[in-house]
């Protein structure tokens, strides 16, 4: 099985470093898959779920945006924020979603509305990823 090196880094810490066989992320043009020997590229990442595969193993992460660079045998994701499915507090994400929806309904400010749209998008991504983790 062919693999490539993946590194996911935020300003606070290294989130992931290891060999993977595929990733699926959300770029500016939509969802994209990266496999070994992919052509080099650099793109902006939109907030979305990130799928990481190694063989049959899959794990999901929530990315709040950033950059993705594909090199010859390495992919680097510089993320604004990134959380593994198991790290997401569902109650907090639900509260953020409700607050963002309330702001969108009640705020006349365009700045507040834009910030609430971003917060809503991020909270929805976090909830989507959190629900993909195995629950005990």
N, C-alpha and C. Protein backbone atom coordinates (compact mmCIF):
# COMPACT_ATOMS: atom_id res chain seq x y z
N UNK A 1 0.84 -1.18 0.00
CA UNK A 1 0.00 0.00 0.00
C UNK A 1 0.89 1.25 0.00
N UNK A 2 0.69 2.11 -0.98
CA UNK A 2 1.45 3.34 -1.08
C UNK A 2 0.93 4.35 -0.05
N UNK A 3 1.85 5.09 0.56
CA UNK A 3 1.49 6.10 1.55
C UNK A 3 2.29 7.37 1.31
N UNK A 4 1.91 8.40 2.02
CA UNK A 4 2.67 9.65 2.03
C UNK A 4 2.64 10.20 3.44
N UNK A 5 3.56 11.11 3.73
CA UNK A 5 3.66 11.73 5.05
C UNK A 5 2.64 12.86 5.14
N UNK A 6 1.88 12.91 6.23
CA UNK A 6 0.93 13.99 6.50
C UNK A 6 1.30 14.65 7.81
N UNK A 7 1.36 15.97 7.79
CA UNK A 7 1.55 16.75 9.02
C UNK A 7 0.44 17.77 9.10
N UNK A 8 -0.21 17.84 10.26
CA UNK A 8 -1.24 18.85 10.52
C UNK A 8 -0.76 19.67 11.71
N UNK A 9 -0.62 20.97 11.49
CA UNK A 9 -0.05 21.86 12.49
C UNK A 9 -0.97 23.06 12.70
N UNK A 10 -1.15 23.44 13.98
CA UNK A 10 -1.81 24.70 14.31
C UNK A 10 -0.78 25.59 14.99
N UNK A 11 -1.15 26.80 15.33
CA UNK A 11 -0.23 27.70 16.03
C UNK A 11 0.14 27.14 17.40
N UNK A 12 -0.75 26.33 17.98
CA UNK A 12 -0.51 25.80 19.32
C UNK A 12 0.28 24.51 19.37
N UNK A 13 0.06 23.62 18.37
CA UNK A 13 0.68 22.30 18.49
C UNK A 13 0.65 21.53 17.17
N UNK A 14 1.42 20.45 17.16
CA UNK A 14 1.37 19.47 16.07
C UNK A 14 0.18 18.57 16.37
N UNK A 15 -0.78 18.53 15.48
CA UNK A 15 -1.99 17.73 15.68
C UNK A 15 -1.78 16.29 15.22
N UNK A 16 -1.09 16.14 14.09
CA UNK A 16 -0.93 14.81 13.50
C UNK A 16 0.36 14.79 12.70
N UNK A 17 1.06 13.67 12.78
CA UNK A 17 2.23 13.43 11.94
C UNK A 17 2.33 11.93 11.73
N UNK A 18 2.21 11.51 10.48
CA UNK A 18 2.30 10.09 10.20
C UNK A 18 2.08 9.78 8.74
N UNK A 19 2.24 8.51 8.40
CA UNK A 19 2.03 8.05 7.04
C UNK A 19 0.57 7.71 6.84
N UNK A 20 -0.01 8.16 5.73
CA UNK A 20 -1.41 7.92 5.40
C UNK A 20 -1.52 7.49 3.94
N UNK A 21 -2.66 6.90 3.60
CA UNK A 21 -2.86 6.47 2.21
C UNK A 21 -3.77 7.42 1.44
N UNK A 22 -4.55 8.26 2.17
CA UNK A 22 -5.47 9.19 1.50
C UNK A 22 -5.96 10.22 2.50
N UNK A 23 -6.21 11.42 2.01
CA UNK A 23 -6.94 12.41 2.80
C UNK A 23 -8.01 13.03 1.91
N UNK A 24 -9.09 13.47 2.54
CA UNK A 24 -10.16 14.17 1.84
C UNK A 24 -10.44 15.43 2.64
N UNK A 25 -10.33 16.59 1.98
CA UNK A 25 -10.47 17.88 2.64
C UNK A 25 -11.32 18.82 1.79
N UNK A 26 -11.69 19.95 2.38
CA UNK A 26 -12.51 20.95 1.69
C UNK A 26 -11.63 22.15 1.31
N UNK A 27 -11.36 22.29 0.02
CA UNK A 27 -10.63 23.43 -0.50
C UNK A 27 -11.57 24.50 -1.01
N UNK A 28 -11.03 25.52 -1.61
CA UNK A 28 -11.84 26.63 -2.11
C UNK A 28 -12.76 26.22 -3.26
N UNK A 29 -12.39 25.18 -3.97
CA UNK A 29 -13.20 24.72 -5.10
C UNK A 29 -14.09 23.54 -4.76
N UNK A 30 -14.14 23.17 -3.48
CA UNK A 30 -14.96 22.04 -3.06
C UNK A 30 -14.11 20.96 -2.43
N UNK A 31 -14.71 19.78 -2.29
CA UNK A 31 -14.03 18.66 -1.64
C UNK A 31 -13.00 18.06 -2.58
N UNK A 32 -11.83 17.70 -2.02
CA UNK A 32 -10.77 17.13 -2.84
C UNK A 32 -10.12 15.97 -2.11
N UNK A 33 -9.69 15.00 -2.88
CA UNK A 33 -8.97 13.86 -2.34
C UNK A 33 -7.51 13.92 -2.75
N UNK A 34 -6.66 13.55 -1.82
CA UNK A 34 -5.22 13.51 -2.08
C UNK A 34 -4.75 12.08 -1.85
N UNK A 35 -4.11 11.52 -2.87
CA UNK A 35 -3.56 10.18 -2.81
C UNK A 35 -2.04 10.26 -2.99
N UNK A 36 -1.31 9.16 -2.73
CA UNK A 36 0.14 9.18 -2.97
C UNK A 36 0.44 9.59 -4.41
N UNK A 37 1.52 10.31 -4.58
CA UNK A 37 2.02 10.77 -5.88
C UNK A 37 1.12 11.84 -6.50
N UNK A 38 0.35 12.54 -5.69
CA UNK A 38 -0.50 13.62 -6.19
C UNK A 38 0.39 14.74 -6.73
N UNK A 39 -0.09 15.44 -7.70
CA UNK A 39 0.64 16.58 -8.25
C UNK A 39 0.79 17.65 -7.15
N UNK A 40 1.96 18.30 -7.08
CA UNK A 40 2.14 19.35 -6.07
C UNK A 40 1.12 20.48 -6.25
N UNK A 41 0.62 20.98 -5.14
CA UNK A 41 -0.32 22.10 -5.18
C UNK A 41 -0.38 22.76 -3.83
N UNK A 42 -0.94 23.96 -3.81
CA UNK A 42 -1.19 24.68 -2.57
C UNK A 42 -2.58 25.27 -2.69
N UNK A 43 -3.38 25.16 -1.63
CA UNK A 43 -4.73 25.70 -1.67
C UNK A 43 -5.15 26.17 -0.28
N UNK A 44 -6.13 27.02 -0.27
CA UNK A 44 -6.75 27.46 0.98
C UNK A 44 -7.78 26.40 1.38
N UNK A 45 -7.83 26.09 2.66
CA UNK A 45 -8.84 25.16 3.17
C UNK A 45 -10.01 25.93 3.76
N UNK A 46 -11.20 25.48 3.41
CA UNK A 46 -12.41 26.02 4.02
C UNK A 46 -12.71 25.21 5.28
N UNK A 47 -13.49 25.77 6.19
CA UNK A 47 -13.91 24.96 7.34
C UNK A 47 -14.64 23.72 6.84
N UNK A 48 -14.29 22.58 7.40
CA UNK A 48 -14.92 21.34 6.98
C UNK A 48 -14.33 20.14 7.69
N UNK A 49 -14.90 18.99 7.39
CA UNK A 49 -14.39 17.76 7.98
C UNK A 49 -13.21 17.28 7.14
N UNK A 50 -12.24 16.72 7.81
CA UNK A 50 -11.05 16.17 7.17
C UNK A 50 -11.05 14.68 7.44
N UNK A 51 -11.00 13.89 6.39
CA UNK A 51 -10.93 12.44 6.50
C UNK A 51 -9.49 12.02 6.25
N UNK A 52 -8.96 11.22 7.16
CA UNK A 52 -7.60 10.69 7.04
C UNK A 52 -7.73 9.17 6.99
N UNK A 53 -7.15 8.56 5.95
CA UNK A 53 -7.21 7.10 5.80
C UNK A 53 -5.80 6.52 5.78
N UNK A 54 -5.68 5.38 6.43
CA UNK A 54 -4.48 4.55 6.29
C UNK A 54 -4.99 3.14 6.15
N UNK A 55 -4.99 2.65 4.93
CA UNK A 55 -5.60 1.35 4.64
C UNK A 55 -7.09 1.44 4.91
N UNK A 56 -7.59 0.54 5.75
CA UNK A 56 -9.01 0.53 6.10
C UNK A 56 -9.34 1.43 7.29
N UNK A 57 -8.31 1.91 7.98
CA UNK A 57 -8.48 2.77 9.14
C UNK A 57 -8.88 4.18 8.72
N UNK A 58 -9.90 4.75 9.36
CA UNK A 58 -10.33 6.11 9.06
C UNK A 58 -10.43 6.91 10.34
N UNK A 59 -10.03 8.17 10.26
CA UNK A 59 -10.28 9.09 11.36
C UNK A 59 -10.69 10.44 10.81
N UNK A 60 -11.53 11.13 11.58
CA UNK A 60 -12.05 12.42 11.16
C UNK A 60 -11.56 13.52 12.08
N UNK A 61 -11.36 14.67 11.48
CA UNK A 61 -11.00 15.87 12.23
C UNK A 61 -11.83 17.03 11.71
N UNK A 62 -12.04 18.01 12.57
CA UNK A 62 -12.72 19.25 12.17
C UNK A 62 -11.65 20.31 11.96
N UNK A 63 -11.64 20.89 10.77
CA UNK A 63 -10.69 21.94 10.42
C UNK A 63 -11.47 23.24 10.28
N UNK A 64 -10.97 24.31 10.89
CA UNK A 64 -11.70 25.58 10.80
C UNK A 64 -11.18 26.47 9.68
N UNK A 65 -10.27 25.96 8.90
CA UNK A 65 -9.69 26.73 7.79
C UNK A 65 -8.19 26.66 7.87
N UNK A 66 -7.53 27.13 6.82
CA UNK A 66 -6.07 27.12 6.80
C UNK A 66 -5.55 26.93 5.40
N UNK A 67 -4.41 26.27 5.31
CA UNK A 67 -3.75 26.02 4.02
C UNK A 67 -3.34 24.56 3.93
N UNK A 68 -3.35 24.04 2.71
CA UNK A 68 -2.89 22.69 2.43
C UNK A 68 -1.85 22.77 1.34
N UNK A 69 -0.70 22.14 1.59
CA UNK A 69 0.36 22.10 0.58
C UNK A 69 0.73 20.65 0.30
N UNK A 70 0.67 20.27 -0.96
CA UNK A 70 1.07 18.94 -1.39
C UNK A 70 2.46 19.06 -2.02
N UNK A 71 3.43 18.37 -1.42
CA UNK A 71 4.77 18.31 -1.98
C UNK A 71 4.98 16.97 -2.68
N UNK A 72 6.22 16.64 -2.96
CA UNK A 72 6.50 15.41 -3.70
C UNK A 72 6.09 14.15 -2.94
N UNK A 73 6.36 14.10 -1.63
CA UNK A 73 6.00 12.92 -0.85
C UNK A 73 5.46 13.29 0.53
N UNK A 74 4.97 14.54 0.64
CA UNK A 74 4.52 15.03 1.94
C UNK A 74 3.41 16.04 1.75
N UNK A 75 2.40 15.97 2.62
CA UNK A 75 1.32 16.95 2.64
C UNK A 75 1.37 17.65 3.99
N UNK A 76 1.32 18.97 3.97
CA UNK A 76 1.32 19.75 5.19
C UNK A 76 0.03 20.57 5.24
N UNK A 77 -0.68 20.48 6.35
CA UNK A 77 -1.86 21.30 6.58
C UNK A 77 -1.53 22.25 7.71
N UNK A 78 -1.60 23.55 7.41
CA UNK A 78 -1.45 24.58 8.43
C UNK A 78 -2.86 25.04 8.74
N UNK A 79 -3.38 24.61 9.87
CA UNK A 79 -4.79 24.84 10.21
C UNK A 79 -4.94 25.98 11.20
N UNK A 80 -6.00 26.77 10.99
CA UNK A 80 -6.34 27.80 11.98
C UNK A 80 -6.66 27.12 13.30
N UNK A 81 -7.47 26.08 13.24
CA UNK A 81 -7.79 25.23 14.39
C UNK A 81 -8.16 23.86 13.84
N UNK A 82 -7.88 22.84 14.64
CA UNK A 82 -8.15 21.47 14.22
C UNK A 82 -8.42 20.63 15.46
N UNK A 83 -9.49 19.83 15.40
CA UNK A 83 -9.83 18.97 16.52
C UNK A 83 -10.14 17.57 16.01
N UNK A 84 -9.64 16.59 16.73
CA UNK A 84 -10.00 15.20 16.45
C UNK A 84 -11.45 14.99 16.91
N UNK A 85 -12.13 14.04 16.31
CA UNK A 85 -13.53 13.78 16.65
C UNK A 85 -13.72 13.58 18.15
N UNK A 86 -12.83 12.84 18.78
CA UNK A 86 -12.95 12.55 20.20
C UNK A 86 -12.69 13.73 21.12
N UNK A 87 -12.10 14.81 20.60
CA UNK A 87 -11.79 15.99 21.41
C UNK A 87 -12.93 17.00 21.44
N UNK A 88 -13.93 16.81 20.60
CA UNK A 88 -14.98 17.81 20.46
C UNK A 88 -16.02 17.66 21.56
N UNK A 89 -16.30 18.77 22.23
CA UNK A 89 -17.34 18.83 23.26
C UNK A 89 -18.66 19.14 22.54
N UNK A 90 -19.53 18.14 22.43
CA UNK A 90 -20.77 18.29 21.67
C UNK A 90 -21.67 19.36 22.28
N UNK A 91 -21.77 19.41 23.60
CA UNK A 91 -22.62 20.41 24.25
C UNK A 91 -22.14 21.83 23.94
N UNK A 92 -20.82 22.03 23.98
CA UNK A 92 -20.27 23.35 23.67
C UNK A 92 -20.49 23.72 22.21
N UNK A 93 -20.34 22.75 21.32
CA UNK A 93 -20.57 23.00 19.90
C UNK A 93 -22.05 23.33 19.63
N UNK A 94 -22.95 22.64 20.32
CA UNK A 94 -24.39 22.93 20.19
C UNK A 94 -24.70 24.33 20.69
N UNK A 95 -24.10 24.71 21.80
CA UNK A 95 -24.31 26.06 22.36
C UNK A 95 -23.80 27.12 21.38
N UNK A 96 -22.67 26.88 20.76
CA UNK A 96 -22.12 27.83 19.78
C UNK A 96 -23.04 27.93 18.56
N UNK A 97 -23.60 26.79 18.14
CA UNK A 97 -24.55 26.80 17.01
C UNK A 97 -25.79 27.61 17.35
N UNK A 98 -26.35 27.38 18.53
CA UNK A 98 -27.56 28.13 18.93
C UNK A 98 -27.28 29.63 19.03
N UNK A 99 -26.13 29.99 19.59
CA UNK A 99 -25.78 31.41 19.73
C UNK A 99 -25.60 32.06 18.35
N UNK A 100 -24.95 31.36 17.44
CA UNK A 100 -24.74 31.90 16.09
C UNK A 100 -26.07 32.07 15.38
N UNK A 101 -26.96 31.10 15.50
CA UNK A 101 -28.28 31.21 14.86
C UNK A 101 -29.08 32.37 15.44
N UNK A 102 -28.99 32.57 16.75
CA UNK A 102 -29.69 33.68 17.42
C UNK A 102 -29.16 35.02 16.91
N UNK A 103 -27.84 35.13 16.81
CA UNK A 103 -27.22 36.37 16.32
C UNK A 103 -27.65 36.65 14.88
N UNK A 104 -27.70 35.62 14.05
CA UNK A 104 -28.11 35.80 12.66
C UNK A 104 -29.55 36.31 12.56
N UNK A 105 -30.41 35.86 13.47
CA UNK A 105 -31.82 36.27 13.44
C UNK A 105 -32.04 37.67 14.00
N UNK A 106 -31.21 38.08 14.94
CA UNK A 106 -31.50 39.32 15.68
C UNK A 106 -30.57 40.48 15.41
N UNK A 107 -29.41 40.26 14.87
CA UNK A 107 -28.44 41.35 14.74
C UNK A 107 -28.60 42.14 13.44
N UNK A 108 -28.70 43.48 13.56
CA UNK A 108 -28.76 44.29 12.34
C UNK A 108 -27.36 44.60 11.78
N UNK A 109 -26.33 44.30 12.56
CA UNK A 109 -24.95 44.63 12.17
C UNK A 109 -24.42 43.64 11.14
N UNK A 110 -23.89 44.15 10.05
CA UNK A 110 -23.31 43.28 9.02
C UNK A 110 -22.05 42.57 9.54
N UNK A 111 -21.29 43.26 10.38
CA UNK A 111 -20.09 42.65 10.94
C UNK A 111 -20.46 41.49 11.86
N UNK A 112 -21.46 41.70 12.71
CA UNK A 112 -21.90 40.63 13.62
C UNK A 112 -22.50 39.47 12.83
N UNK A 113 -23.22 39.79 11.78
CA UNK A 113 -23.83 38.75 10.95
C UNK A 113 -22.74 37.91 10.27
N UNK A 114 -21.71 38.56 9.75
CA UNK A 114 -20.62 37.83 9.09
C UNK A 114 -19.90 36.94 10.09
N UNK A 115 -19.64 37.45 11.29
CA UNK A 115 -18.97 36.65 12.31
C UNK A 115 -19.85 35.48 12.74
N UNK A 116 -21.16 35.71 12.83
CA UNK A 116 -22.07 34.64 13.22
C UNK A 116 -22.15 33.55 12.14
N UNK A 117 -22.07 33.94 10.87
CA UNK A 117 -22.08 32.95 9.79
C UNK A 117 -20.85 32.04 9.88
N UNK A 118 -19.70 32.64 10.17
CA UNK A 118 -18.47 31.86 10.32
C UNK A 118 -18.58 30.94 11.53
N UNK A 119 -19.08 31.47 12.65
CA UNK A 119 -19.24 30.66 13.87
C UNK A 119 -20.22 29.52 13.64
N UNK A 120 -21.29 29.78 12.91
CA UNK A 120 -22.27 28.74 12.62
C UNK A 120 -21.64 27.64 11.77
N UNK A 121 -20.91 28.03 10.73
CA UNK A 121 -20.25 27.05 9.87
C UNK A 121 -19.29 26.17 10.68
N UNK A 122 -18.50 26.80 11.55
CA UNK A 122 -17.54 26.05 12.37
C UNK A 122 -18.24 25.11 13.33
N UNK A 123 -19.29 25.58 13.97
CA UNK A 123 -19.99 24.72 14.93
C UNK A 123 -20.65 23.54 14.22
N UNK A 124 -21.19 23.75 13.03
CA UNK A 124 -21.81 22.65 12.28
C UNK A 124 -20.77 21.60 11.87
N UNK A 125 -19.59 22.06 11.48
CA UNK A 125 -18.51 21.13 11.13
C UNK A 125 -18.11 20.32 12.35
N UNK A 126 -17.94 20.99 13.49
CA UNK A 126 -17.56 20.30 14.73
C UNK A 126 -18.59 19.24 15.11
N UNK A 127 -19.87 19.60 14.98
CA UNK A 127 -20.94 18.64 15.31
C UNK A 127 -20.94 17.46 14.35
N UNK A 128 -20.73 17.72 13.07
CA UNK A 128 -20.70 16.65 12.07
C UNK A 128 -19.57 15.66 12.39
N UNK A 129 -18.39 16.18 12.69
CA UNK A 129 -17.24 15.33 12.98
C UNK A 129 -17.44 14.59 14.31
N UNK A 130 -17.95 15.27 15.31
CA UNK A 130 -18.15 14.64 16.62
C UNK A 130 -19.11 13.47 16.53
N UNK A 131 -20.08 13.57 15.68
CA UNK A 131 -21.06 12.49 15.53
C UNK A 131 -20.50 11.29 14.77
N UNK A 132 -19.34 11.44 14.15
CA UNK A 132 -18.72 10.33 13.42
C UNK A 132 -17.86 9.48 14.33
N UNK A 133 -17.57 9.95 15.54
CA UNK A 133 -16.72 9.17 16.44
C UNK A 133 -17.55 8.05 17.05
N UNK A 134 -16.91 6.95 17.39
CA UNK A 134 -17.64 5.85 18.04
C UNK A 134 -18.04 6.28 19.45
N UNK A 135 -19.29 6.10 19.80
CA UNK A 135 -19.77 6.44 21.14
C UNK A 135 -19.83 5.18 21.99
N UNK A 136 -19.50 5.32 23.26
CA UNK A 136 -19.49 4.15 24.16
C UNK A 136 -20.70 4.14 25.03
